[in-house]
């Protein structure tokens, strides 16, 4: 959706948090970034010691926002990678979910980018 590119980050984050809460998926904002234009990373802990992380980016072919898989592995390694990213970019938002199935809703309409 082209309008998502102009949507302030804090507005998108607020909508995402609401959708997750309605779906019964626990979520925590572990780092608040720039409210207007901060980048967003989403971590999903599967509660078995593993986690996955995604970063919101642009599809160069279409110009639309997409979620790009960043990494998957032991939760401690994912946490360390997110901490390094946050140290490099203080405007970065980090959202952490807990879901055994790895469900993030990022592929649902209105959240895909």
PDB file of N, CA and C in Angstrom:
ATOM      1  N   UNK A   1       0.844  -1.173   0.000  1.00  0.00           N
ATOM      2  CA  UNK A   1       0.000   0.000   0.000  1.00  0.00           C
ATOM      3  C   UNK A   1       0.892   1.240   0.000  1.00  0.00           C
ATOM      4  N   UNK A   2       0.767   2.090  -0.961  1.00  0.00           N
ATOM      5  CA  UNK A   2       1.656   3.233  -1.142  1.00  0.00           C
ATOM      6  C   UNK A   2       1.559   4.239  -0.002  1.00  0.00           C
ATOM      7  N   UNK A   3       0.405   4.373   0.637  1.00  0.00           N
ATOM      8  CA  UNK A   3       0.278   5.343   1.714  1.00  0.00           C
ATOM      9  C   UNK A   3       1.071   4.946   2.942  1.00  0.00           C
ATOM     10  N   UNK A   4       1.402   3.654   3.117  1.00  0.00           N
ATOM     11  CA  UNK A   4       2.194   3.220   4.257  1.00  0.00           C
ATOM     12  C   UNK A   4       3.551   3.888   4.276  1.00  0.00           C
ATOM     13  N   UNK A   5       4.104   4.219   3.092  1.00  0.00           N
ATOM     14  CA  UNK A   5       5.419   4.836   3.013  1.00  0.00           C
ATOM     15  C   UNK A   5       5.414   6.207   3.678  1.00  0.00           C
ATOM     16  N   UNK A   6       4.269   6.860   3.736  1.00  0.00           N
ATOM     17  CA  UNK A   6       4.176   8.190   4.332  1.00  0.00           C
ATOM     18  C   UNK A   6       3.633   8.159   5.755  1.00  0.00           C
ATOM     19  N   UNK A   7       3.229   7.009   6.214  1.00  0.00           N
ATOM     20  CA  UNK A   7       2.653   6.868   7.544  1.00  0.00           C
ATOM     21  C   UNK A   7       3.752   7.009   8.597  1.00  0.00           C
ATOM     22  N   UNK A   8       3.541   7.871   9.574  1.00  0.00           N
ATOM     23  CA  UNK A   8       4.528   8.041  10.651  1.00  0.00           C
ATOM     24  C   UNK A   8       4.725   6.710  11.358  1.00  0.00           C
ATOM     25  N   UNK A   9       5.949   6.438  11.724  1.00  0.00           N
ATOM     26  CA  UNK A   9       6.289   5.159  12.336  1.00  0.00           C
ATOM     27  C   UNK A   9       5.455   4.878  13.573  1.00  0.00           C
ATOM     28  N   UNK A  10       5.289   5.867  14.439  1.00  0.00           N
ATOM     29  CA  UNK A  10       4.550   5.630  15.681  1.00  0.00           C
ATOM     30  C   UNK A  10       3.094   5.266  15.413  1.00  0.00           C
ATOM     31  N   UNK A  11       2.522   5.758  14.337  1.00  0.00           N
ATOM     32  CA  UNK A  11       1.143   5.414  13.980  1.00  0.00           C
ATOM     33  C   UNK A  11       1.080   3.957  13.541  1.00  0.00           C
ATOM     34  N   UNK A  12       2.025   3.547  12.679  1.00  0.00           N
ATOM     35  CA  UNK A  12       2.061   2.150  12.235  1.00  0.00           C
ATOM     36  C   UNK A  12       2.286   1.219  13.420  1.00  0.00           C
ATOM     37  N   UNK A  13       3.236   1.566  14.293  1.00  0.00           N
ATOM     38  CA  UNK A  13       3.537   0.731  15.463  1.00  0.00           C
ATOM     39  C   UNK A  13       2.290   0.600  16.338  1.00  0.00           C
ATOM     40  N   UNK A  14       1.590   1.690  16.578  1.00  0.00           N
ATOM     41  CA  UNK A  14       0.377   1.641  17.396  1.00  0.00           C
ATOM     42  C   UNK A  14      -0.680   0.722  16.802  1.00  0.00           C
ATOM     43  N   UNK A  15      -0.859   0.796  15.489  1.00  0.00           N
ATOM     44  CA  UNK A  15      -1.834  -0.069  14.820  1.00  0.00           C
ATOM     45  C   UNK A  15      -1.403  -1.534  14.905  1.00  0.00           C
ATOM     46  N   UNK A  16      -0.112  -1.786  14.716  1.00  0.00           N
ATOM     47  CA  UNK A  16       0.407  -3.154  14.790  1.00  0.00           C
ATOM     48  C   UNK A  16       0.224  -3.727  16.193  1.00  0.00           C
ATOM     49  N   UNK A  17       0.544  -2.956  17.212  1.00  0.00           N
ATOM     50  CA  UNK A  17       0.384  -3.417  18.589  1.00  0.00           C
ATOM     51  C   UNK A  17      -1.076  -3.781  18.865  1.00  0.00           C
ATOM     52  N   UNK A  18      -1.985  -2.960  18.377  1.00  0.00           N
ATOM     53  CA  UNK A  18      -3.413  -3.236  18.568  1.00  0.00           C
ATOM     54  C   UNK A  18      -3.815  -4.534  17.884  1.00  0.00           C
ATOM     55  N   UNK A  19      -3.370  -4.733  16.630  1.00  0.00           N
ATOM     56  CA  UNK A  19      -3.700  -5.971  15.906  1.00  0.00           C
ATOM     57  C   UNK A  19      -3.154  -7.191  16.629  1.00  0.00           C
ATOM     58  N   UNK A  20      -1.935  -7.096  17.130  1.00  0.00           N
ATOM     59  CA  UNK A  20      -1.343  -8.219  17.859  1.00  0.00           C
ATOM     60  C   UNK A  20      -2.121  -8.513  19.141  1.00  0.00           C
ATOM     61  N   UNK A  21      -2.474  -7.476  19.867  1.00  0.00           N
ATOM     62  CA  UNK A  21      -3.227  -7.667  21.104  1.00  0.00           C
ATOM     63  C   UNK A  21      -4.586  -8.303  20.828  1.00  0.00           C
ATOM     64  N   UNK A  22      -5.253  -7.874  19.759  1.00  0.00           N
ATOM     65  CA  UNK A  22      -6.544  -8.463  19.395  1.00  0.00           C
ATOM     66  C   UNK A  22      -6.401  -9.930  19.002  1.00  0.00           C
ATOM     67  N   UNK A  23      -5.238 -10.303  18.464  1.00  0.00           N
ATOM     68  CA  UNK A  23      -4.982 -11.693  18.068  1.00  0.00           C
ATOM     69  C   UNK A  23      -4.446 -12.524  19.239  1.00  0.00           C
ATOM     70  N   UNK A  24      -4.278 -11.899  20.398  1.00  0.00           N
ATOM     71  CA  UNK A  24      -3.791 -12.617  21.565  1.00  0.00           C
ATOM     72  C   UNK A  24      -2.305 -12.942  21.511  1.00  0.00           C
ATOM     73  N   UNK A  25      -1.544 -12.152  20.763  1.00  0.00           N
ATOM     74  CA  UNK A  25      -0.102 -12.363  20.641  1.00  0.00           C
ATOM     75  C   UNK A  25       0.607 -11.343  21.530  1.00  0.00           C
ATOM     76  N   UNK A  26       1.300 -11.807  22.574  1.00  0.00           N
ATOM     77  CA  UNK A  26       2.016 -10.869  23.446  1.00  0.00           C
ATOM     78  C   UNK A  26       3.098 -10.114  22.667  1.00  0.00           C
ATOM     79  N   UNK A  27       3.190  -8.816  22.911  1.00  0.00           N
ATOM     80  CA  UNK A  27       4.169  -7.975  22.229  1.00  0.00           C
ATOM     81  C   UNK A  27       4.681  -6.927  23.199  1.00  0.00           C
ATOM     82  N   UNK A  28       5.957  -6.594  23.032  1.00  0.00           N
ATOM     83  CA  UNK A  28       6.614  -5.606  23.880  1.00  0.00           C
ATOM     84  C   UNK A  28       7.413  -4.662  22.992  1.00  0.00           C
ATOM     85  N   UNK A  29       7.356  -3.378  23.303  1.00  0.00           N
ATOM     86  CA  UNK A  29       8.217  -2.403  22.627  1.00  0.00           C
ATOM     87  C   UNK A  29       9.489  -2.342  23.463  1.00  0.00           C
ATOM     88  N   UNK A  30      10.561  -2.929  22.955  1.00  0.00           N
ATOM     89  CA  UNK A  30      11.804  -2.970  23.726  1.00  0.00           C
ATOM     90  C   UNK A  30      12.719  -1.799  23.402  1.00  0.00           C
ATOM     91  N   UNK A  31      12.435  -1.096  22.307  1.00  0.00           N
ATOM     92  CA  UNK A  31      13.183   0.120  21.977  1.00  0.00           C
ATOM     93  C   UNK A  31      12.280   1.027  21.167  1.00  0.00           C
ATOM     94  N   UNK A  32      12.103   2.250  21.649  1.00  0.00           N
ATOM     95  CA  UNK A  32      11.327   3.255  20.915  1.00  0.00           C
ATOM     96  C   UNK A  32      12.285   4.086  20.093  1.00  0.00           C
ATOM     97  N   UNK A  33      11.978   4.200  18.809  1.00  0.00           N
ATOM     98  CA  UNK A  33      12.810   4.991  17.923  1.00  0.00           C
ATOM     99  C   UNK A  33      12.175   6.318  17.581  1.00  0.00           C
ATOM    100  N   UNK A  34      12.628   6.893  16.498  1.00  0.00           N
ATOM    101  CA  UNK A  34      12.085   8.166  16.025  1.00  0.00           C
ATOM    102  C   UNK A  34      10.601   7.981  15.717  1.00  0.00           C
ATOM    103  N   UNK A  35       9.732   8.828  16.281  1.00  0.00           N
ATOM    104  CA  UNK A  35       8.302   8.637  16.088  1.00  0.00           C
ATOM    105  C   UNK A  35       7.818   8.867  14.658  1.00  0.00           C
ATOM    106  N   UNK A  36       8.555   9.646  13.898  1.00  0.00           N
ATOM    107  CA  UNK A  36       8.111   9.969  12.552  1.00  0.00           C
ATOM    108  C   UNK A  36       8.687   9.051  11.492  1.00  0.00           C
ATOM    109  N   UNK A  37       9.986   8.790  11.550  1.00  0.00           N
ATOM    110  CA  UNK A  37      10.636   8.073  10.447  1.00  0.00           C
ATOM    111  C   UNK A  37      11.593   6.980  10.894  1.00  0.00           C
ATOM    112  N   UNK A  38      11.460   6.501  12.128  1.00  0.00           N
ATOM    113  CA  UNK A  38      12.368   5.461  12.607  1.00  0.00           C
ATOM    114  C   UNK A  38      12.152   4.143  11.892  1.00  0.00           C
ATOM    115  N   UNK A  39      13.233   3.413  11.713  1.00  0.00           N
ATOM    116  CA  UNK A  39      13.144   2.067  11.146  1.00  0.00           C
ATOM    117  C   UNK A  39      12.521   1.146  12.188  1.00  0.00           C
ATOM    118  N   UNK A  40      11.967   0.005  11.717  1.00  0.00           N
ATOM    119  CA  UNK A  40      11.303  -0.945  12.617  1.00  0.00           C
ATOM    120  C   UNK A  40      11.876  -2.337  12.392  1.00  0.00           C
ATOM    121  N   UNK A  41      12.189  -3.012  13.501  1.00  0.00           N
ATOM    122  CA  UNK A  41      12.560  -4.428  13.460  1.00  0.00           C
ATOM    123  C   UNK A  41      11.607  -5.176  14.375  1.00  0.00           C
ATOM    124  N   UNK A  42      11.209  -6.371  13.932  1.00  0.00           N
ATOM    125  CA  UNK A  42      10.295  -7.206  14.695  1.00  0.00           C
ATOM    126  C   UNK A  42      10.989  -8.524  15.003  1.00  0.00           C
ATOM    127  N   UNK A  43      10.981  -8.889  16.276  1.00  0.00           N
ATOM    128  CA  UNK A  43      11.537 -10.183  16.710  1.00  0.00           C
ATOM    129  C   UNK A  43      10.386 -11.035  17.201  1.00  0.00           C
ATOM    130  N   UNK A  44      10.386 -12.299  16.810  1.00  0.00           N
ATOM    131  CA  UNK A  44       9.395 -13.241  17.311  1.00  0.00           C
ATOM    132  C   UNK A  44      10.112 -14.383  18.009  1.00  0.00           C
ATOM    133  N   UNK A  45       9.912 -14.483  19.313  1.00  0.00           N
ATOM    134  CA  UNK A  45      10.460 -15.588  20.095  1.00  0.00           C
ATOM    135  C   UNK A  45       9.440 -16.720  20.075  1.00  0.00           C
ATOM    136  N   UNK A  46       9.895 -17.910  19.712  1.00  0.00           N
ATOM    137  CA  UNK A  46       8.989 -19.055  19.614  1.00  0.00           C
ATOM    138  C   UNK A  46       8.933 -19.861  20.912  1.00  0.00           C
ATOM    139  N   UNK A  47       9.514 -19.346  21.969  1.00  0.00           N
ATOM    140  CA  UNK A  47       9.443 -19.908  23.315  1.00  0.00           C
ATOM    141  C   UNK A  47      10.082 -21.286  23.442  1.00  0.00           C
ATOM    142  N   UNK A  48      10.990 -21.585  22.509  1.00  0.00           N
ATOM    143  CA  UNK A  48      11.753 -22.831  22.571  1.00  0.00           C
ATOM    144  C   UNK A  48      13.256 -22.532  22.516  1.00  0.00           C
ATOM    145  N   UNK A  49      13.602 -21.273  22.845  1.00  0.00           N
ATOM    146  CA  UNK A  49      15.005 -20.867  22.811  1.00  0.00           C
ATOM    147  C   UNK A  49      15.438 -20.299  21.473  1.00  0.00           C
ATOM    148  N   UNK A  50      14.502 -20.234  20.521  1.00  0.00           N
ATOM    149  CA  UNK A  50      14.825 -19.726  19.190  1.00  0.00           C
ATOM    150  C   UNK A  50      13.989 -18.482  18.897  1.00  0.00           C
ATOM    151  N   UNK A  51      14.455 -17.718  17.908  1.00  0.00           N
ATOM    152  CA  UNK A  51      13.736 -16.508  17.518  1.00  0.00           C
ATOM    153  C   UNK A  51      14.047 -16.173  16.064  1.00  0.00           C
ATOM    154  N   UNK A  52      13.198 -15.338  15.497  1.00  0.00           N
ATOM    155  CA  UNK A  52      13.402 -14.797  14.147  1.00  0.00           C
ATOM    156  C   UNK A  52      13.237 -13.287  14.219  1.00  0.00           C
ATOM    157  N   UNK A  53      13.888 -12.599  13.293  1.00  0.00           N
ATOM    158  CA  UNK A  53      13.761 -11.137  13.238  1.00  0.00           C
ATOM    159  C   UNK A  53      13.577 -10.694  11.798  1.00  0.00           C
ATOM    160  N   UNK A  54      12.776  -9.633  11.630  1.00  0.00           N
ATOM    161  CA  UNK A  54      12.509  -9.031  10.328  1.00  0.00           C
ATOM    162  C   UNK A  54      12.764  -7.540  10.420  1.00  0.00           C
ATOM    163  N   UNK A  55      13.095  -6.963   9.279  1.00  0.00           N
ATOM    164  CA  UNK A  55      13.294  -5.519   9.181  1.00  0.00           C
ATOM    165  C   UNK A  55      12.392  -4.972   8.085  1.00  0.00           C
ATOM    166  N   UNK A  56      11.785  -3.841   8.368  1.00  0.00           N
ATOM    167  CA  UNK A  56      10.952  -3.186   7.366  1.00  0.00           C
ATOM    168  C   UNK A  56      11.872  -2.475   6.385  1.00  0.00           C
ATOM    169  N   UNK A  57      11.653  -2.714   5.102  1.00  0.00           N
ATOM    170  CA  UNK A  57      12.512  -2.173   4.067  1.00  0.00           C
ATOM    171  C   UNK A  57      11.665  -1.837   2.849  1.00  0.00           C
ATOM    172  N   UNK A  58      12.325  -1.506   1.751  1.00  0.00           N
ATOM    173  CA  UNK A  58      11.646  -1.204   0.490  1.00  0.00           C
ATOM    174  C   UNK A  58      11.984  -2.246  -0.557  1.00  0.00           C
ATOM    175  N   UNK A  59      10.998  -2.630  -1.334  1.00  0.00           N
ATOM    176  CA  UNK A  59      11.223  -3.478  -2.503  1.00  0.00           C
ATOM    177  C   UNK A  59      11.706  -2.544  -3.604  1.00  0.00           C
ATOM    178  N   UNK A  60      12.930  -2.731  -4.054  1.00  0.00           N
ATOM    179  CA  UNK A  60      13.505  -1.827  -5.057  1.00  0.00           C
ATOM    180  C   UNK A  60      12.751  -1.881  -6.384  1.00  0.00           C
ATOM    181  N   UNK A  61      12.126  -3.004  -6.693  1.00  0.00           N
ATOM    182  CA  UNK A  61      11.402  -3.139  -7.958  1.00  0.00           C
ATOM    183  C   UNK A  61      10.085  -2.378  -7.945  1.00  0.00           C
ATOM    184  N   UNK A  62       9.381  -2.396  -6.798  1.00  0.00           N
ATOM    185  CA  UNK A  62       8.047  -1.786  -6.748  1.00  0.00           C
ATOM    186  C   UNK A  62       8.005  -0.481  -5.962  1.00  0.00           C
ATOM    187  N   UNK A  63       9.004  -0.266  -5.093  1.00  0.00           N
ATOM    188  CA  UNK A  63       9.002   0.929  -4.251  1.00  0.00           C
ATOM    189  C   UNK A  63       8.115   0.783  -3.028  1.00  0.00           C
ATOM    190  N   UNK A  64       7.484  -0.379  -2.859  1.00  0.00           N
ATOM    191  CA  UNK A  64       6.603  -0.597  -1.712  1.00  0.00           C
ATOM    192  C   UNK A  64       7.386  -1.129  -0.525  1.00  0.00           C
ATOM    193  N   UNK A  65       6.834  -0.890   0.662  1.00  0.00           N
ATOM    194  CA  UNK A  65       7.453  -1.422   1.871  1.00  0.00           C
ATOM    195  C   UNK A  65       7.203  -2.918   1.966  1.00  0.00           C
ATOM    196  N   UNK A  66       8.222  -3.635   2.420  1.00  0.00           N
ATOM    197  CA  UNK A  66       8.140  -5.084   2.598  1.00  0.00           C
ATOM    198  C   UNK A  66       8.874  -5.456   3.885  1.00  0.00           C
ATOM    199  N   UNK A  67       8.600  -6.653   4.379  1.00  0.00           N
ATOM    200  CA  UNK A  67       9.322  -7.181   5.536  1.00  0.00           C
ATOM    201  C   UNK A  67      10.374  -8.146   5.043  1.00  0.00           C
ATOM    202  N   UNK A  68      11.614  -7.873   5.397  1.00  0.00           N
ATOM    203  CA  UNK A  68      12.752  -8.674   4.958  1.00  0.00           C
ATOM    204  C   UNK A  68      13.237  -9.503   6.149  1.00  0.00           C
ATOM    205  N   UNK A  69      13.336 -10.840   5.994  1.00  0.00           N
ATOM    206  CA  UNK A  69      13.895 -11.639   7.090  1.00  0.00           C
ATOM    207  C   UNK A  69      15.326 -11.198   7.371  1.00  0.00           C
ATOM    208  N   UNK A  70      15.616 -10.944   8.629  1.00  0.00           N
ATOM    209  CA  UNK A  70      16.943 -10.478   9.025  1.00  0.00           C
ATOM    210  C   UNK A  70      17.799 -11.650   9.488  1.00  0.00           C
ATOM    211  N   UNK A  71      17.285 -12.429  10.430  1.00  0.00           N
ATOM    212  CA  UNK A  71      18.002 -13.599  10.895  1.00  0.00           C
ATOM    213  C   UNK A  71      17.084 -14.514  11.682  1.00  0.00           C
ATOM    214  N   UNK A  72      17.556 -15.753  11.840  1.00  0.00           N
ATOM    215  CA  UNK A  72      16.834 -16.767  12.603  1.00  0.00           C
ATOM    216  C   UNK A  72      17.866 -17.619  13.314  1.00  0.00           C
ATOM    217  N   UNK A  73      17.594 -17.955  14.566  1.00  0.00           N
ATOM    218  CA  UNK A  73      18.531 -18.794  15.301  1.00  0.00           C
ATOM    219  C   UNK A  73      18.249 -18.776  16.775  1.00  0.00           C
ATOM    220  N   UNK A  74      19.259 -19.120  17.579  1.00  0.00           N
ATOM    221  CA  UNK A  74      19.092 -19.067  19.026  1.00  0.00           C
ATOM    222  C   UNK A  74      18.692 -17.647  19.454  1.00  0.00           C
ATOM    223  N   UNK A  75      17.762 -17.569  20.391  1.00  0.00           N
ATOM    224  CA  UNK A  75      17.241 -16.268  20.793  1.00  0.00           C
ATOM    225  C   UNK A  75      18.336 -15.322  21.267  1.00  0.00           C
ATOM    226  N   UNK A  76      19.330 -15.834  21.969  1.00  0.00           N
ATOM    227  CA  UNK A  76      20.419 -14.973  22.450  1.00  0.00           C
ATOM    228  C   UNK A  76      21.177 -14.330  21.293  1.00  0.00           C
ATOM    229  N   UNK A  77      21.371 -15.075  20.196  1.00  0.00           N
ATOM    230  CA  UNK A  77      22.059 -14.516  19.025  1.00  0.00           C
ATOM    231  C   UNK A  77      21.211 -13.454  18.335  1.00  0.00           C
ATOM    232  N   UNK A  78      19.911 -13.702  18.248  1.00  0.00           N
ATOM    233  CA  UNK A  78      19.010 -12.710  17.645  1.00  0.00           C
ATOM    234  C   UNK A  78      19.004 -11.447  18.500  1.00  0.00           C
ATOM    235  N   UNK A  79      18.926 -11.609  19.830  1.00  0.00           N
ATOM    236  CA  UNK A  79      18.965 -10.450  20.728  1.00  0.00           C
ATOM    237  C   UNK A  79      20.246  -9.656  20.567  1.00  0.00           C
ATOM    238  N   UNK A  80      21.371 -10.345  20.452  1.00  0.00           N
ATOM    239  CA  UNK A  80      22.662  -9.665  20.296  1.00  0.00           C
ATOM    240  C   UNK A  80      22.709  -8.882  18.985  1.00  0.00           C
ATOM    241  N   UNK A  81      22.182  -9.466  17.911  1.00  0.00           N
ATOM    242  CA  UNK A  81      22.162  -8.774  16.616  1.00  0.00           C
ATOM    243  C   UNK A  81      21.271  -7.538  16.677  1.00  0.00           C
ATOM    244  N   UNK A  82      20.128  -7.655  17.328  1.00  0.00           N
ATOM    245  CA  UNK A  82      19.236  -6.498  17.459  1.00  0.00           C
ATOM    246  C   UNK A  82      19.876  -5.408  18.317  1.00  0.00           C
ATOM    247  N   UNK A  83      20.591  -5.797  19.351  1.00  0.00           N
ATOM    248  CA  UNK A  83      21.291  -4.818  20.190  1.00  0.00           C
ATOM    249  C   UNK A  83      22.360  -4.082  19.392  1.00  0.00           C
ATOM    250  N   UNK A  84      23.068  -4.802  18.525  1.00  0.00           N
ATOM    251  CA  UNK A  84      24.078  -4.147  17.674  1.00  0.00           C
ATOM    252  C   UNK A  84      23.411  -3.150  16.720  1.00  0.00           C
ATOM    253  N   UNK A  85      22.295  -3.549  16.128  1.00  0.00           N
ATOM    254  CA  UNK A  85      21.574  -2.644  15.222  1.00  0.00           C
ATOM    255  C   UNK A  85      21.099  -1.402  15.965  1.00  0.00           C
ATOM    256  N   UNK A  86      20.576  -1.594  17.155  1.00  0.00           N
ATOM    257  CA  UNK A  86      20.073  -0.478  17.959  1.00  0.00           C
ATOM    258  C   UNK A  86      21.222   0.463  18.352  1.00  0.00           C
ATOM    259  N   UNK A  87      22.399  -0.092  18.638  1.00  0.00           N
ATOM    260  CA  UNK A  87      23.562   0.738  18.981  1.00  0.00           C
ATOM    261  C   UNK A  87      23.983   1.601  17.796  1.00  0.00           C
ATOM    262  N   UNK A  88      23.825   1.064  16.578  1.00  0.00           N
ATOM    263  CA  UNK A  88      24.170   1.822  15.363  1.00  0.00           C
ATOM    264  C   UNK A  88      23.107   2.854  14.990  1.00  0.00           C
ATOM    265  N   UNK A  89      21.849   2.560  15.357  1.00  0.00           N
ATOM    266  CA  UNK A  89      20.744   3.424  14.936  1.00  0.00           C
ATOM    267  C   UNK A  89      19.822   3.707  16.112  1.00  0.00           C
ATOM    268  N   UNK A  90      20.037   4.803  16.830  1.00  0.00           N
ATOM    269  CA  UNK A  90      19.198   5.106  17.990  1.00  0.00           C
ATOM    270  C   UNK A  90      17.748   5.436  17.621  1.00  0.00           C
ATOM    271  N   UNK A  91      17.472   5.653  16.333  1.00  0.00           N
ATOM    272  CA  UNK A  91      16.103   5.929  15.888  1.00  0.00           C
ATOM    273  C   UNK A  91      15.313   4.653  15.615  1.00  0.00           C
ATOM    274  N   UNK A  92      15.938   3.496  15.802  1.00  0.00           N
ATOM    275  CA  UNK A  92      15.340   2.198  15.505  1.00  0.00           C
ATOM    276  C   UNK A  92      14.315   1.788  16.561  1.00  0.00           C
ATOM    277  N   UNK A  93      13.167   1.290  16.089  1.00  0.00           N
ATOM    278  CA  UNK A  93      12.162   0.668  16.948  1.00  0.00           C
ATOM    279  C   UNK A  93      12.425  -0.835  16.952  1.00  0.00           C
ATOM    280  N   UNK A  94      12.325  -1.469  18.121  1.00  0.00           N
ATOM    281  CA  UNK A  94      12.422  -2.923  18.213  1.00  0.00           C
ATOM    282  C   UNK A  94      11.178  -3.420  18.944  1.00  0.00           C
ATOM    283  N   UNK A  95      10.422  -4.276  18.254  1.00  0.00           N
ATOM    284  CA  UNK A  95       9.211  -4.861  18.808  1.00  0.00           C
ATOM    285  C   UNK A  95       9.445  -6.355  18.982  1.00  0.00           C
ATOM    286  N   UNK A  96       9.116  -6.881  20.155  1.00  0.00           N
ATOM    287  CA  UNK A  96       9.342  -8.300  20.430  1.00  0.00           C
ATOM    288  C   UNK A  96       8.017  -8.996  20.709  1.00  0.00           C
ATOM    289  N   UNK A  97       7.778 -10.074  19.958  1.00  0.00           N
ATOM    290  CA  UNK A  97       6.566 -10.873  20.091  1.00  0.00           C
ATOM    291  C   UNK A  97       6.921 -12.218  20.685  1.00  0.00           C
ATOM    292  N   UNK A  98       5.924 -12.867  21.276  1.00  0.00           N
ATOM    293  CA  UNK A  98       6.076 -14.243  21.746  1.00  0.00           C
ATOM    294  C   UNK A  98       4.952 -15.064  21.133  1.00  0.00           C
ATOM    295  N   UNK A  99       5.320 -16.053  20.309  1.00  0.00           N
ATOM    296  CA  UNK A  99       4.326 -16.914  19.697  1.00  0.00           C
ATOM    297  C   UNK A  99       4.974 -18.225  19.300  1.00  0.00           C
ATOM    298  N   UNK A 100       4.491 -19.315  19.844  1.00  0.00           N
ATOM    299  CA  UNK A 100       5.078 -20.640  19.592  1.00  0.00           C
ATOM    300  C   UNK A 100       5.098 -21.000  18.110  1.00  0.00           C
ATOM    301  N   UNK A 101       4.093 -20.573  17.367  1.00  0.00           N
ATOM    302  CA  UNK A 101       4.020 -20.879  15.932  1.00  0.00           C
ATOM    303  C   UNK A 101       4.796 -19.885  15.083  1.00  0.00           C
ATOM    304  N   UNK A 102       5.345 -18.838  15.688  1.00  0.00           N
ATOM    305  CA  UNK A 102       6.079 -17.826  14.936  1.00  0.00           C
ATOM    306  C   UNK A 102       5.172 -16.854  14.208  1.00  0.00           C
ATOM    307  N   UNK A 103       3.927 -16.773  14.642  1.00  0.00           N
ATOM    308  CA  UNK A 103       2.941 -15.899  13.988  1.00  0.00           C
ATOM    309  C   UNK A 103       3.225 -14.437  14.327  1.00  0.00           C
ATOM    310  N   UNK A 104       3.337 -13.603  13.287  1.00  0.00           N
ATOM    311  CA  UNK A 104       3.644 -12.180  13.479  1.00  0.00           C
ATOM    312  C   UNK A 104       2.577 -11.243  12.908  1.00  0.00           C
ATOM    313  N   UNK A 105       1.728 -11.740  12.042  1.00  0.00           N
ATOM    314  CA  UNK A 105       0.724 -10.962  11.316  1.00  0.00           C
ATOM    315  C   UNK A 105       1.325 -10.026  10.266  1.00  0.00           C
ATOM    316  N   UNK A 106       2.641 -10.046  10.084  1.00  0.00           N
ATOM    317  CA  UNK A 106       3.272  -9.117   9.147  1.00  0.00           C
ATOM    318  C   UNK A 106       2.838  -9.337   7.704  1.00  0.00           C
ATOM    319  N   UNK A 107       2.286 -10.504   7.413  1.00  0.00           N
ATOM    320  CA  UNK A 107       1.834 -10.786   6.047  1.00  0.00           C
ATOM    321  C   UNK A 107       0.364 -10.431   5.833  1.00  0.00           C
ATOM    322  N   UNK A 108      -0.301  -9.882   6.841  1.00  0.00           N
ATOM    323  CA  UNK A 108      -1.704  -9.543   6.726  1.00  0.00           C
ATOM    324  C   UNK A 108      -1.895  -8.166   6.077  1.00  0.00           C
ATOM    325  N   UNK A 109      -3.029  -7.973   5.410  1.00  0.00           N
ATOM    326  CA  UNK A 109      -3.310  -6.682   4.768  1.00  0.00           C
ATOM    327  C   UNK A 109      -3.172  -5.514   5.737  1.00  0.00           C
ATOM    328  N   UNK A 110      -2.534  -4.459   5.269  1.00  0.00           N
ATOM    329  CA  UNK A 110      -2.338  -3.264   6.075  1.00  0.00           C
ATOM    330  C   UNK A 110      -1.094  -3.309   6.946  1.00  0.00           C
ATOM    331  N   UNK A 111      -0.511  -4.494   7.118  1.00  0.00           N
ATOM    332  CA  UNK A 111       0.686  -4.616   7.951  1.00  0.00           C
ATOM    333  C   UNK A 111       1.891  -5.046   7.139  1.00  0.00           C
ATOM    334  N   UNK A 112       1.669  -5.433   5.921  1.00  0.00           N
ATOM    335  CA  UNK A 112       2.748  -5.989   5.118  1.00  0.00           C
ATOM    336  C   UNK A 112       3.892  -5.020   4.911  1.00  0.00           C
ATOM    337  N   UNK A 113       3.687  -3.794   5.099  1.00  0.00           N
ATOM    338  CA  UNK A 113       4.787  -2.872   4.923  1.00  0.00           C
ATOM    339  C   UNK A 113       4.561  -1.595   5.600  1.00  0.00           C
TER     340      UNK A 113
END
